[in-house]
Amino acid sequence: MGIVDFDPMRGLVQHLGFRGKAFVERFDRDRAKRLLRRYLGEREEYWDPRFIESLGDPDNLFIRFVPETVVVRDVSYLQKNPLL
């Protein structure tokens, strides 16, 4: 799995790479709500309705990822701004 933050105007290139094993697990609505509360807050009435609606989606699954290796690289470069 890779995550890249890339902005050519600023010369930003940051990369995170993960290798390991992933497992598909059954969706657990209560577990999902606990996870959402961590990021969206305790008061569900303030959540974007899309998050509430997604809790009832029968196609939802959890993916459990067990990393074996992690690589973090910052290969940013200085980008000259042609406007300066």
N, C-alpha and C. Protein backbone atom coordinates (compact mmCIF):
# COMPACT_ATOMS: atom_id res chain seq x y z
N MET A 1 0.86 -1.15 0.00
CA MET A 1 0.00 0.00 0.00
C MET A 1 0.91 1.21 0.00
N GLY A 2 0.59 2.21 -0.78
CA GLY A 2 1.40 3.41 -0.82
C GLY A 2 0.56 4.66 -0.67
N ILE A 3 1.15 5.65 -0.05
CA ILE A 3 0.52 6.96 0.10
C ILE A 3 1.55 7.98 -0.35
N VAL A 4 1.16 8.88 -1.25
CA VAL A 4 2.07 9.88 -1.77
C VAL A 4 1.44 11.26 -1.63
N ASP A 5 2.21 12.20 -1.11
CA ASP A 5 1.80 13.60 -1.07
C ASP A 5 2.69 14.30 -2.10
N PHE A 6 2.08 14.78 -3.18
CA PHE A 6 2.84 15.30 -4.31
C PHE A 6 2.28 16.65 -4.72
N ASP A 7 3.13 17.65 -4.74
CA ASP A 7 2.74 18.99 -5.19
C ASP A 7 3.89 19.55 -6.02
N PRO A 8 3.83 19.41 -7.35
CA PRO A 8 4.94 19.85 -8.19
C PRO A 8 5.23 21.35 -8.13
N MET A 9 4.21 22.14 -7.81
CA MET A 9 4.45 23.58 -7.72
C MET A 9 5.36 23.93 -6.55
N ARG A 10 5.32 23.13 -5.49
CA ARG A 10 6.19 23.37 -4.33
C ARG A 10 7.39 22.42 -4.31
N GLY A 11 7.40 21.43 -5.21
CA GLY A 11 8.48 20.46 -5.21
C GLY A 11 8.33 19.42 -4.10
N LEU A 12 7.11 19.22 -3.64
CA LEU A 12 6.86 18.30 -2.53
C LEU A 12 6.63 16.89 -3.07
N VAL A 13 7.42 15.94 -2.58
CA VAL A 13 7.23 14.53 -2.91
C VAL A 13 7.53 13.74 -1.64
N GLN A 14 6.49 13.31 -0.97
CA GLN A 14 6.64 12.50 0.25
C GLN A 14 5.92 11.18 0.03
N HIS A 15 6.56 10.10 0.42
CA HIS A 15 6.05 8.77 0.13
C HIS A 15 6.08 7.89 1.38
N LEU A 16 5.00 7.18 1.61
CA LEU A 16 4.94 6.15 2.64
C LEU A 16 4.56 4.86 1.93
N GLY A 17 5.31 3.81 2.20
CA GLY A 17 5.02 2.51 1.59
C GLY A 17 4.91 1.45 2.66
N PHE A 18 3.90 0.61 2.54
CA PHE A 18 3.66 -0.45 3.50
C PHE A 18 3.56 -1.77 2.75
N ARG A 19 4.23 -2.78 3.27
CA ARG A 19 4.08 -4.13 2.74
C ARG A 19 3.67 -5.04 3.87
N GLY A 20 2.80 -5.96 3.57
CA GLY A 20 2.33 -6.88 4.59
C GLY A 20 1.17 -7.70 4.08
N LYS A 21 0.36 -8.14 5.00
CA LYS A 21 -0.79 -8.97 4.65
C LYS A 21 -2.08 -8.25 5.03
N ALA A 22 -3.08 -8.43 4.18
CA ALA A 22 -4.39 -7.83 4.45
C ALA A 22 -5.44 -8.93 4.51
N PHE A 23 -6.41 -8.71 5.37
CA PHE A 23 -7.47 -9.69 5.57
C PHE A 23 -8.81 -8.99 5.50
N VAL A 24 -9.74 -9.58 4.79
CA VAL A 24 -11.10 -9.05 4.70
C VAL A 24 -11.87 -9.59 5.90
N GLU A 25 -12.52 -8.68 6.62
CA GLU A 25 -13.29 -9.07 7.80
C GLU A 25 -14.71 -8.54 7.68
N ARG A 26 -15.60 -9.18 8.38
CA ARG A 26 -16.99 -8.77 8.39
C ARG A 26 -17.12 -7.36 8.99
N PHE A 27 -18.03 -6.58 8.46
CA PHE A 27 -18.27 -5.22 8.95
C PHE A 27 -18.97 -5.28 10.30
N ASP A 28 -18.51 -4.47 11.21
CA ASP A 28 -19.11 -4.38 12.54
C ASP A 28 -19.54 -2.92 12.74
N ARG A 29 -20.84 -2.69 12.72
CA ARG A 29 -21.37 -1.32 12.80
C ARG A 29 -20.91 -0.60 14.07
N ASP A 30 -20.92 -1.28 15.22
CA ASP A 30 -20.51 -0.63 16.46
C ASP A 30 -19.02 -0.24 16.43
N ARG A 31 -18.22 -1.11 15.89
CA ARG A 31 -16.79 -0.80 15.76
C ARG A 31 -16.58 0.39 14.82
N ALA A 32 -17.32 0.42 13.73
CA ALA A 32 -17.22 1.52 12.78
C ALA A 32 -17.62 2.84 13.45
N LYS A 33 -18.67 2.82 14.26
CA LYS A 33 -19.11 4.04 14.94
C LYS A 33 -18.04 4.52 15.93
N ARG A 34 -17.39 3.58 16.62
CA ARG A 34 -16.31 3.98 17.54
C ARG A 34 -15.17 4.65 16.78
N LEU A 35 -14.85 4.09 15.63
CA LEU A 35 -13.79 4.67 14.80
C LEU A 35 -14.19 6.06 14.29
N LEU A 36 -15.41 6.20 13.82
CA LEU A 36 -15.87 7.50 13.33
C LEU A 36 -15.91 8.53 14.44
N ARG A 37 -16.32 8.13 15.64
CA ARG A 37 -16.35 9.08 16.76
C ARG A 37 -14.97 9.64 17.06
N ARG A 38 -13.95 8.81 16.89
CA ARG A 38 -12.58 9.27 17.14
C ARG A 38 -12.22 10.45 16.25
N TYR A 39 -12.70 10.43 15.01
CA TYR A 39 -12.33 11.47 14.05
C TYR A 39 -13.39 12.53 13.85
N LEU A 40 -14.65 12.18 14.06
CA LEU A 40 -15.74 13.12 13.80
C LEU A 40 -16.36 13.70 15.05
N GLY A 41 -16.01 13.16 16.20
CA GLY A 41 -16.57 13.65 17.45
C GLY A 41 -17.71 12.78 17.95
N GLU A 42 -18.05 12.96 19.20
CA GLU A 42 -19.07 12.14 19.86
C GLU A 42 -20.49 12.42 19.35
N ARG A 43 -20.74 13.64 18.93
CA ARG A 43 -22.11 14.07 18.59
C ARG A 43 -22.43 13.73 17.14
N GLU A 44 -23.10 12.62 16.97
CA GLU A 44 -23.41 12.12 15.62
C GLU A 44 -24.28 13.09 14.83
N GLU A 45 -25.06 13.90 15.52
CA GLU A 45 -25.92 14.84 14.79
C GLU A 45 -25.10 15.88 14.01
N TYR A 46 -23.82 16.02 14.32
CA TYR A 46 -22.96 16.95 13.59
C TYR A 46 -22.19 16.26 12.45
N TRP A 47 -22.28 14.96 12.36
CA TRP A 47 -21.57 14.24 11.30
C TRP A 47 -22.21 14.51 9.95
N ASP A 48 -21.41 14.48 8.92
CA ASP A 48 -21.93 14.55 7.57
C ASP A 48 -22.87 13.35 7.38
N PRO A 49 -24.06 13.55 6.83
CA PRO A 49 -25.03 12.45 6.69
C PRO A 49 -24.48 11.25 5.93
N ARG A 50 -23.51 11.46 5.05
CA ARG A 50 -22.96 10.33 4.30
C ARG A 50 -22.32 9.29 5.21
N PHE A 51 -21.74 9.74 6.33
CA PHE A 51 -21.13 8.78 7.25
C PHE A 51 -22.19 7.95 7.96
N ILE A 52 -23.29 8.57 8.34
CA ILE A 52 -24.39 7.86 8.99
C ILE A 52 -24.98 6.84 8.01
N GLU A 53 -25.22 7.28 6.79
CA GLU A 53 -25.80 6.40 5.77
C GLU A 53 -24.90 5.21 5.47
N SER A 54 -23.60 5.43 5.47
CA SER A 54 -22.68 4.35 5.12
C SER A 54 -22.69 3.22 6.15
N LEU A 55 -23.09 3.52 7.38
CA LEU A 55 -23.12 2.50 8.42
C LEU A 55 -24.12 1.39 8.11
N GLY A 56 -25.12 1.68 7.30
CA GLY A 56 -26.13 0.69 6.95
C GLY A 56 -25.89 0.00 5.62
N ASP A 57 -24.78 0.30 4.97
CA ASP A 57 -24.49 -0.27 3.65
C ASP A 57 -24.15 -1.76 3.79
N PRO A 58 -24.93 -2.65 3.18
CA PRO A 58 -24.67 -4.08 3.32
C PRO A 58 -23.39 -4.55 2.63
N ASP A 59 -22.82 -3.72 1.78
CA ASP A 59 -21.58 -4.08 1.08
C ASP A 59 -20.32 -3.70 1.86
N ASN A 60 -20.48 -3.04 3.00
CA ASN A 60 -19.32 -2.63 3.79
C ASN A 60 -18.53 -3.84 4.29
N LEU A 61 -17.23 -3.66 4.34
CA LEU A 61 -16.31 -4.65 4.88
C LEU A 61 -15.24 -3.92 5.67
N PHE A 62 -14.53 -4.63 6.50
CA PHE A 62 -13.33 -4.11 7.13
C PHE A 62 -12.14 -4.79 6.49
N ILE A 63 -11.07 -4.06 6.33
CA ILE A 63 -9.80 -4.63 5.89
C ILE A 63 -8.83 -4.47 7.05
N ARG A 64 -8.31 -5.58 7.53
CA ARG A 64 -7.29 -5.55 8.58
C ARG A 64 -5.95 -5.73 7.90
N PHE A 65 -5.06 -4.77 8.14
CA PHE A 65 -3.74 -4.79 7.51
C PHE A 65 -2.69 -5.01 8.59
N VAL A 66 -1.83 -6.00 8.37
CA VAL A 66 -0.74 -6.30 9.28
C VAL A 66 0.56 -5.97 8.55
N PRO A 67 1.20 -4.84 8.90
CA PRO A 67 2.41 -4.44 8.17
C PRO A 67 3.60 -5.33 8.51
N GLU A 68 4.41 -5.59 7.50
CA GLU A 68 5.68 -6.30 7.69
C GLU A 68 6.85 -5.33 7.53
N THR A 69 6.73 -4.41 6.59
CA THR A 69 7.75 -3.38 6.43
C THR A 69 7.08 -2.04 6.15
N VAL A 70 7.74 -0.99 6.57
CA VAL A 70 7.26 0.37 6.35
C VAL A 70 8.43 1.20 5.86
N VAL A 71 8.20 1.97 4.80
CA VAL A 71 9.23 2.85 4.25
C VAL A 71 8.66 4.26 4.19
N VAL A 72 9.43 5.22 4.67
CA VAL A 72 9.03 6.63 4.61
C VAL A 72 10.15 7.37 3.92
N ARG A 73 9.80 8.09 2.86
CA ARG A 73 10.81 8.84 2.11
C ARG A 73 10.30 10.24 1.79
N ASP A 74 11.18 11.19 1.97
CA ASP A 74 10.91 12.56 1.52
C ASP A 74 11.90 12.83 0.41
N VAL A 75 11.43 12.81 -0.82
CA VAL A 75 12.29 13.06 -1.98
C VAL A 75 11.90 14.39 -2.63
N SER A 76 11.51 15.32 -1.79
CA SER A 76 11.13 16.65 -2.28
C SER A 76 12.32 17.34 -2.92
N TYR A 77 12.02 18.27 -3.76
CA TYR A 77 13.04 19.04 -4.46
C TYR A 77 12.63 20.50 -4.46
N LEU A 78 13.60 21.36 -4.58
CA LEU A 78 13.31 22.79 -4.61
C LEU A 78 12.80 23.16 -5.99
N GLN A 79 11.59 23.67 -6.03
CA GLN A 79 10.99 24.08 -7.30
C GLN A 79 11.07 25.59 -7.38
N LYS A 80 11.72 26.10 -8.42
CA LYS A 80 11.80 27.54 -8.61
C LYS A 80 10.46 28.05 -9.11
N ASN A 81 9.99 29.11 -8.49
CA ASN A 81 8.73 29.71 -8.87
C ASN A 81 8.99 30.69 -10.02
N PRO A 82 8.45 30.43 -11.22
CA PRO A 82 8.70 31.32 -12.36
C PRO A 82 8.10 32.71 -12.18
N LEU A 83 7.21 32.88 -11.22
CA LEU A 83 6.59 34.18 -11.00
C LEU A 83 7.43 35.09 -10.13
N LEU A 84 8.46 34.57 -9.50
CA LEU A 84 9.29 35.39 -8.61
C LEU A 84 10.51 35.94 -9.34
